[in-house]
């Protein structure tokens, strides 16, 4: 299901006239937000589009969150979609 939604969203962005490249990356134990931004940098992306997902404050305090990490360590413009 996720791939289908991702592909539909990519098609909408392409229809708006933007070039889209979908990149899959695995963190291999590294911080996920850093892995995502590194993959975007390797692809020479001008914009990173990511799904934002929120957890309870307690869970984020204990486990952290990729969305928050992306926002706290911006290396390129990010568009978060919920």
C-alpha atoms as a PDB file:
ATOM      1  CA  UNK A   1       0.000   0.000   0.000  1.00  0.00           C
ATOM      2  CA  UNK A   2       2.781   2.467   0.889  1.00  0.00           C
ATOM      3  CA  UNK A   3       4.474   2.030  -2.466  1.00  0.00           C
ATOM      4  CA  UNK A   4       1.216   2.710  -4.257  1.00  0.00           C
ATOM      5  CA  UNK A   5       0.600   5.930  -2.302  1.00  0.00           C
ATOM      6  CA  UNK A   6       4.219   6.986  -2.806  1.00  0.00           C
ATOM      7  CA  UNK A   7       3.963   6.388  -6.549  1.00  0.00           C
ATOM      8  CA  UNK A   8       0.671   8.286  -6.787  1.00  0.00           C
ATOM      9  CA  UNK A   9       2.159  11.218  -4.890  1.00  0.00           C
ATOM     10  CA  UNK A  10       5.246  11.166  -7.140  1.00  0.00           C
ATOM     11  CA  UNK A  11       2.971  11.260 -10.196  1.00  0.00           C
ATOM     12  CA  UNK A  12       1.172  14.320  -8.803  1.00  0.00           C
ATOM     13  CA  UNK A  13       4.469  16.091  -8.219  1.00  0.00           C
ATOM     14  CA  UNK A  14       5.639  15.180 -11.735  1.00  0.00           C
ATOM     15  CA  UNK A  15       2.353  16.477 -13.161  1.00  0.00           C
ATOM     16  CA  UNK A  16       3.114  19.785 -11.423  1.00  0.00           C
ATOM     17  CA  UNK A  17       6.278  19.981 -13.523  1.00  0.00           C
ATOM     18  CA  UNK A  18       8.912  18.838 -11.034  1.00  0.00           C
ATOM     19  CA  UNK A  19      11.464  16.101 -11.627  1.00  0.00           C
ATOM     20  CA  UNK A  20      10.988  13.234  -9.174  1.00  0.00           C
ATOM     21  CA  UNK A  21      13.359  10.454  -8.214  1.00  0.00           C
ATOM     22  CA  UNK A  22      12.307   7.880  -5.635  1.00  0.00           C
ATOM     23  CA  UNK A  23      15.273   6.594  -3.663  1.00  0.00           C
ATOM     24  CA  UNK A  24      15.175   3.642  -1.265  1.00  0.00           C
ATOM     25  CA  UNK A  25      17.833   3.578   1.430  1.00  0.00           C
ATOM     26  CA  UNK A  26      18.534   1.343   4.405  1.00  0.00           C
ATOM     27  CA  UNK A  27      20.102   2.747   7.545  1.00  0.00           C
ATOM     28  CA  UNK A  28      22.052  -0.404   8.541  1.00  0.00           C
ATOM     29  CA  UNK A  29      21.905   0.743  12.169  1.00  0.00           C
ATOM     30  CA  UNK A  30      22.863   4.370  11.466  1.00  0.00           C
ATOM     31  CA  UNK A  31      20.503   7.202  12.464  1.00  0.00           C
ATOM     32  CA  UNK A  32      17.560   7.112  10.050  1.00  0.00           C
ATOM     33  CA  UNK A  33      17.255  10.883   9.542  1.00  0.00           C
ATOM     34  CA  UNK A  34      20.944  11.101   8.631  1.00  0.00           C
ATOM     35  CA  UNK A  35      20.602   8.183   6.226  1.00  0.00           C
ATOM     36  CA  UNK A  36      17.632   9.844   4.513  1.00  0.00           C
ATOM     37  CA  UNK A  37      19.458  13.154   4.151  1.00  0.00           C
ATOM     38  CA  UNK A  38      22.636  11.431   2.917  1.00  0.00           C
ATOM     39  CA  UNK A  39      20.650   9.579   0.243  1.00  0.00           C
ATOM     40  CA  UNK A  40      19.057  12.868  -0.843  1.00  0.00           C
ATOM     41  CA  UNK A  41      22.473  14.550  -0.984  1.00  0.00           C
ATOM     42  CA  UNK A  42      23.922  11.673  -3.034  1.00  0.00           C
ATOM     43  CA  UNK A  43      21.045  12.071  -5.484  1.00  0.00           C
ATOM     44  CA  UNK A  44      21.825  15.822  -5.587  1.00  0.00           C
ATOM     45  CA  UNK A  45      18.253  16.568  -4.565  1.00  0.00           C
ATOM     46  CA  UNK A  46      17.020  20.150  -4.325  1.00  0.00           C
ATOM     47  CA  UNK A  47      14.102  19.157  -2.089  1.00  0.00           C
ATOM     48  CA  UNK A  48      13.440  16.209   0.195  1.00  0.00           C
ATOM     49  CA  UNK A  49       9.798  15.175   0.464  1.00  0.00           C
ATOM     50  CA  UNK A  50       9.086  12.940   3.427  1.00  0.00           C
ATOM     51  CA  UNK A  51       6.058  11.644   5.263  1.00  0.00           C
ATOM     52  CA  UNK A  52       5.773  13.162   8.712  1.00  0.00           C
ATOM     53  CA  UNK A  53       4.446  10.907  11.440  1.00  0.00           C
ATOM     54  CA  UNK A  54       3.930  11.894  15.034  1.00  0.00           C
ATOM     55  CA  UNK A  55       4.072   9.758  18.149  1.00  0.00           C
ATOM     56  CA  UNK A  56       3.039  10.565  21.683  1.00  0.00           C
ATOM     57  CA  UNK A  57       5.348  13.018  23.456  1.00  0.00           C
ATOM     58  CA  UNK A  58       6.420  10.319  25.917  1.00  0.00           C
ATOM     59  CA  UNK A  59       7.367   7.889  23.163  1.00  0.00           C
ATOM     60  CA  UNK A  60       9.285  10.573  21.262  1.00  0.00           C
ATOM     61  CA  UNK A  61      11.067  11.602  24.461  1.00  0.00           C
ATOM     62  CA  UNK A  62      12.189   8.020  25.086  1.00  0.00           C
ATOM     63  CA  UNK A  63      12.736   6.728  21.548  1.00  0.00           C
ATOM     64  CA  UNK A  64      13.127   9.919  19.532  1.00  0.00           C
ATOM     65  CA  UNK A  65      11.536  10.443  16.148  1.00  0.00           C
ATOM     66  CA  UNK A  66      12.746  10.578  12.558  1.00  0.00           C
ATOM     67  CA  UNK A  67      10.512  13.534  11.697  1.00  0.00           C
ATOM     68  CA  UNK A  68      11.870  15.603  14.579  1.00  0.00           C
ATOM     69  CA  UNK A  69      15.439  14.581  13.738  1.00  0.00           C
ATOM     70  CA  UNK A  70      14.950  15.641  10.119  1.00  0.00           C
ATOM     71  CA  UNK A  71      13.692  19.036  11.240  1.00  0.00           C
ATOM     72  CA  UNK A  72      16.430  19.522  13.830  1.00  0.00           C
ATOM     73  CA  UNK A  73      19.251  18.675  11.425  1.00  0.00           C
ATOM     74  CA  UNK A  74      18.161  20.203   8.123  1.00  0.00           C
ATOM     75  CA  UNK A  75      20.760  19.835   5.394  1.00  0.00           C
ATOM     76  CA  UNK A  76      18.435  20.708   2.500  1.00  0.00           C
ATOM     77  CA  UNK A  77      14.869  21.962   2.120  1.00  0.00           C
ATOM     78  CA  UNK A  78      12.319  19.430   3.384  1.00  0.00           C
ATOM     79  CA  UNK A  79       8.615  19.179   2.600  1.00  0.00           C
ATOM     80  CA  UNK A  80       6.839  17.058   5.195  1.00  0.00           C
ATOM     81  CA  UNK A  81       3.533  15.454   4.269  1.00  0.00           C
ATOM     82  CA  UNK A  82       1.241  13.840   6.807  1.00  0.00           C
END
